[in-house]
Amino acid sequence: MADKIYKLSLEQLNDIVSDAVTNAIKKLDNIEIVDDKPKGPATEVKVGEFSEQQYQEAIQTMAKNRGKGDEPKVGIFWYNVTLKQLFGVVTHKRTDYLKPNAGGGLITCSEMHEDVWKKEFRKQKYHGNGIGPFKGEYQMKPRGRVFYSPADDQYIIAVGSWIDDNQDAIEYIINEFDLPREKTIVKKANHWDIGQTWSDI
């Protein structure tokens, strides 16, 4: 008797494989399956052209910024202890801000660690086959933020107590954010400790 042949569409096969992988992963400890694919059709974005005036103004603005890539910056980062490198870095030139935008008269970027983590996690999941540093929860990796204090003309690297065993990270942060050493200090606060979230404040 000949073996029975089952016909599957590619879509059916993908569903079977996806279900099998999901069930296998669920049996592992400390794994959470997150279904955060965008729902529904994407809104169509119109494609147009610059007016001549808009184009000239855009070119002039970009020209003013040429050669200023090494200006001191503010922003956020995570630190990979094993690889000895920063990741998930968001930087903005300090001169992009005309006045303090954070408590205590400080300047920093508006991006939040948790939001950047979610975005990068999705990109890694859908475009990087899940391979990359954005695994688990955002607060479970060493992280920090760079502030600027106009009153003191000083840059502040805000980190958690994880820095005590990872002093080498300071050098990477200074280089990544183009911070002037003579105007930079490191301050620890428990908000940036591993495991701390907004709900713990």
Protein backbone atom coordinates (compact mmCIF):
# COMPACT_ATOMS: atom_id res chain seq x y z
CA MET A 1 0.00 0.00 0.00
CA ALA A 2 1.44 3.35 -1.00
CA ASP A 3 2.10 6.01 1.61
CA LYS A 4 -0.61 8.64 1.82
CA ILE A 5 0.49 12.06 0.52
CA TYR A 6 -0.64 15.14 2.40
CA LYS A 7 -0.78 18.41 0.53
CA LEU A 8 -0.07 21.59 2.47
CA SER A 9 0.05 25.15 1.31
CA LEU A 10 3.09 27.19 2.28
CA GLU A 11 0.86 29.21 4.61
CA GLN A 12 -0.38 26.03 6.35
CA LEU A 13 3.19 24.79 6.74
CA ASN A 14 4.28 28.11 8.24
CA ASP A 15 1.38 27.94 10.72
CA ILE A 16 2.32 24.40 11.78
CA VAL A 17 5.98 25.31 12.26
CA SER A 18 5.08 28.52 14.11
CA ASP A 19 2.74 26.62 16.48
CA ALA A 20 5.38 23.96 17.14
CA VAL A 21 8.06 26.54 17.91
CA THR A 22 5.71 28.53 20.17
CA ASN A 23 4.73 25.41 22.13
CA ALA A 24 8.38 24.40 22.52
CA ILE A 25 9.39 27.85 23.75
CA LYS A 26 6.53 27.94 26.26
CA LYS A 27 8.04 24.89 27.97
CA LEU A 28 11.23 26.83 28.68
CA ASP A 29 11.67 28.88 31.86
CA ASN A 30 11.73 32.68 31.86
CA ILE A 31 10.35 33.02 28.33
CA GLU A 32 7.42 35.23 27.50
CA ILE A 33 5.80 35.12 24.07
CA VAL A 34 4.84 38.61 23.01
CA ASP A 35 2.57 39.07 20.02
CA ASP A 36 3.19 42.66 19.09
CA LYS A 37 2.87 42.55 15.32
CA PRO A 38 1.13 45.65 14.01
CA LYS A 39 -2.60 45.00 13.74
CA GLY A 40 -4.54 45.77 10.57
CA PRO A 41 -3.37 47.39 7.34
CA ALA A 42 -0.83 50.19 7.59
CA THR A 43 -2.01 53.71 6.86
CA GLU A 44 -0.84 54.80 3.43
CA VAL A 45 1.78 57.54 3.54
CA LYS A 46 1.69 60.09 0.75
CA VAL A 47 4.78 60.70 -1.36
CA GLY A 48 5.39 64.23 -2.55
CA GLU A 49 8.20 66.64 -3.33
CA PHE A 50 9.81 69.54 -1.52
CA SER A 51 8.99 73.02 -2.70
CA GLU A 52 12.11 74.83 -3.91
CA GLN A 53 12.12 77.01 -0.76
CA GLN A 54 11.74 74.01 1.58
CA TYR A 55 14.53 72.21 -0.24
CA GLN A 56 16.94 75.15 -0.02
CA GLU A 57 16.17 75.66 3.68
CA ALA A 58 16.70 71.95 4.39
CA ILE A 59 20.05 71.97 2.56
CA GLN A 60 21.16 75.10 4.44
CA THR A 61 20.25 73.54 7.79
CA MET A 62 22.17 70.36 6.99
CA ALA A 63 25.15 72.39 5.77
CA LYS A 64 25.31 74.22 9.12
CA ASN A 65 25.60 70.87 10.91
CA ARG A 66 28.39 69.44 8.77
CA GLY A 67 31.51 68.76 10.79
CA LYS A 68 29.68 68.99 14.11
CA GLY A 69 29.26 65.26 14.67
CA ASP A 70 31.63 65.25 17.63
CA GLU A 71 29.76 67.86 19.68
CA PRO A 72 28.87 66.69 23.21
CA LYS A 73 25.59 64.81 23.38
CA VAL A 74 22.89 63.80 25.82
CA GLY A 75 20.82 60.64 25.67
CA ILE A 76 20.40 57.06 26.86
CA PHE A 77 22.26 53.76 26.56
CA TRP A 78 22.57 50.18 27.75
CA TYR A 79 25.87 48.43 28.49
CA ASN A 80 26.70 44.86 27.49
CA VAL A 81 28.95 43.59 30.29
CA THR A 82 30.12 40.52 28.35
CA LEU A 83 30.99 42.27 25.09
CA LYS A 84 32.17 45.47 26.82
CA GLN A 85 30.15 47.73 24.55
CA LEU A 86 27.18 50.07 24.55
CA PHE A 87 23.98 49.26 22.69
CA GLY A 88 20.57 50.81 22.18
CA VAL A 89 22.24 54.22 22.22
CA VAL A 90 20.13 57.32 21.56
CA THR A 91 22.03 60.61 21.29
CA HIS A 92 21.11 64.22 20.64
CA LYS A 93 23.55 67.11 20.42
CA ARG A 94 23.32 69.17 23.57
CA THR A 95 23.03 72.30 21.44
CA ASP A 96 19.75 70.97 19.99
CA TYR A 97 18.14 72.09 23.25
CA LEU A 98 17.76 75.78 24.01
CA LYS A 99 16.63 75.33 27.61
CA PRO A 100 16.35 72.65 30.31
CA ASN A 101 13.73 70.01 29.60
CA ALA A 102 14.20 67.79 32.65
CA GLY A 103 13.86 68.24 36.40
CA GLY A 104 16.53 70.12 38.31
CA GLY A 105 17.29 72.40 35.38
CA LEU A 106 18.88 69.57 33.38
CA ILE A 107 18.87 68.75 29.67
CA THR A 108 18.49 65.24 28.26
CA CYS A 109 16.73 63.49 25.40
CA SER A 110 13.00 62.83 25.60
CA GLU A 111 13.31 59.14 24.68
CA MET A 112 12.66 56.65 27.46
CA HIS A 113 14.48 53.34 27.92
CA GLU A 114 11.28 51.28 28.01
CA ASP A 115 9.97 52.79 24.75
CA VAL A 116 13.27 52.40 22.88
CA TRP A 117 13.53 48.79 24.13
CA LYS A 118 10.05 47.92 22.81
CA LYS A 119 10.81 49.41 19.41
CA GLU A 120 14.20 47.71 19.09
CA PHE A 121 12.76 44.42 20.37
CA ARG A 122 10.14 44.47 17.58
CA LYS A 123 12.75 45.31 14.92
CA GLN A 124 14.99 42.53 16.20
CA LYS A 125 12.09 40.06 16.25
CA TYR A 126 10.76 40.75 12.76
CA HIS A 127 13.89 41.78 10.88
CA GLY A 128 16.70 40.10 12.79
CA ASN A 129 15.18 36.67 13.38
CA GLY A 130 15.16 37.44 17.10
CA ILE A 131 18.94 37.68 17.20
CA GLY A 132 20.36 40.64 19.08
CA PRO A 133 20.80 42.21 22.52
CA PHE A 134 17.17 43.13 23.16
CA LYS A 135 16.10 40.08 25.16
CA GLY A 136 13.99 39.99 28.31
CA GLU A 137 12.96 43.20 30.05
CA TYR A 138 14.61 46.58 29.48
CA GLN A 139 15.46 47.09 33.15
CA MET A 140 17.37 43.83 33.46
CA LYS A 141 20.43 45.11 31.59
CA PRO A 142 22.82 47.83 32.82
CA ARG A 143 21.58 51.17 31.55
CA GLY A 144 22.00 54.89 32.06
CA ARG A 145 21.32 58.39 30.84
CA VAL A 146 23.49 61.41 30.03
CA PHE A 147 22.31 64.81 31.26
CA TYR A 148 23.72 68.29 30.84
CA SER A 149 23.49 70.90 33.59
CA PRO A 150 23.60 74.42 32.08
CA ALA A 151 23.96 76.00 35.53
CA ASP A 152 27.21 74.09 36.18
CA ASP A 153 28.27 73.61 32.54
CA GLN A 154 28.62 69.94 33.44
CA TYR A 155 27.69 66.60 31.89
CA ILE A 156 26.27 63.95 34.20
CA ILE A 157 26.45 60.23 33.43
CA ALA A 158 23.58 58.79 35.48
CA VAL A 159 23.95 55.06 36.18
CA GLY A 160 23.03 52.42 38.72
CA SER A 161 25.28 50.57 41.14
CA TRP A 162 26.20 48.21 38.29
CA ILE A 163 28.92 50.74 37.43
CA ASP A 164 30.92 49.69 40.52
CA ASP A 165 31.93 46.44 38.82
CA ASN A 166 32.06 47.93 35.33
CA GLN A 167 34.21 51.05 35.55
CA ASP A 168 35.41 50.45 31.98
CA ALA A 169 31.94 51.47 30.78
CA ILE A 170 32.69 55.09 31.69
CA GLU A 171 35.28 55.34 28.93
CA TYR A 172 32.87 53.94 26.34
CA ILE A 173 30.15 56.38 27.41
CA ILE A 174 32.48 59.39 27.26
CA ASN A 175 33.60 58.41 23.75
CA GLU A 176 30.11 57.58 22.45
CA PHE A 177 28.61 60.85 23.69
CA ASP A 178 31.73 62.97 22.89
CA LEU A 179 31.81 64.26 26.46
CA PRO A 180 34.55 66.64 27.62
CA ARG A 181 36.33 64.83 30.47
CA GLU A 182 36.97 67.97 32.46
CA LYS A 183 33.23 68.73 32.52
CA THR A 184 31.90 65.20 33.10
CA ILE A 185 30.95 63.42 36.32
CA VAL A 186 29.32 60.07 37.08
CA LYS A 187 26.41 59.91 39.52
CA LYS A 188 24.71 56.78 40.81
CA ALA A 189 20.99 56.55 41.58
CA ASN A 190 18.85 53.48 42.21
CA HIS A 191 16.50 54.29 39.31
CA TRP A 192 19.19 52.94 36.96
CA ASP A 193 19.96 49.86 39.09
CA ILE A 194 19.37 46.53 37.37
CA GLY A 195 15.78 45.48 37.93
CA GLN A 196 14.45 48.96 38.82
CA THR A 197 11.41 50.22 36.95
CA TRP A 198 9.10 53.19 37.22
CA SER A 199 6.80 51.17 39.44
CA ASP A 200 9.63 50.83 41.97
CA ILE A 201 10.04 54.57 42.47
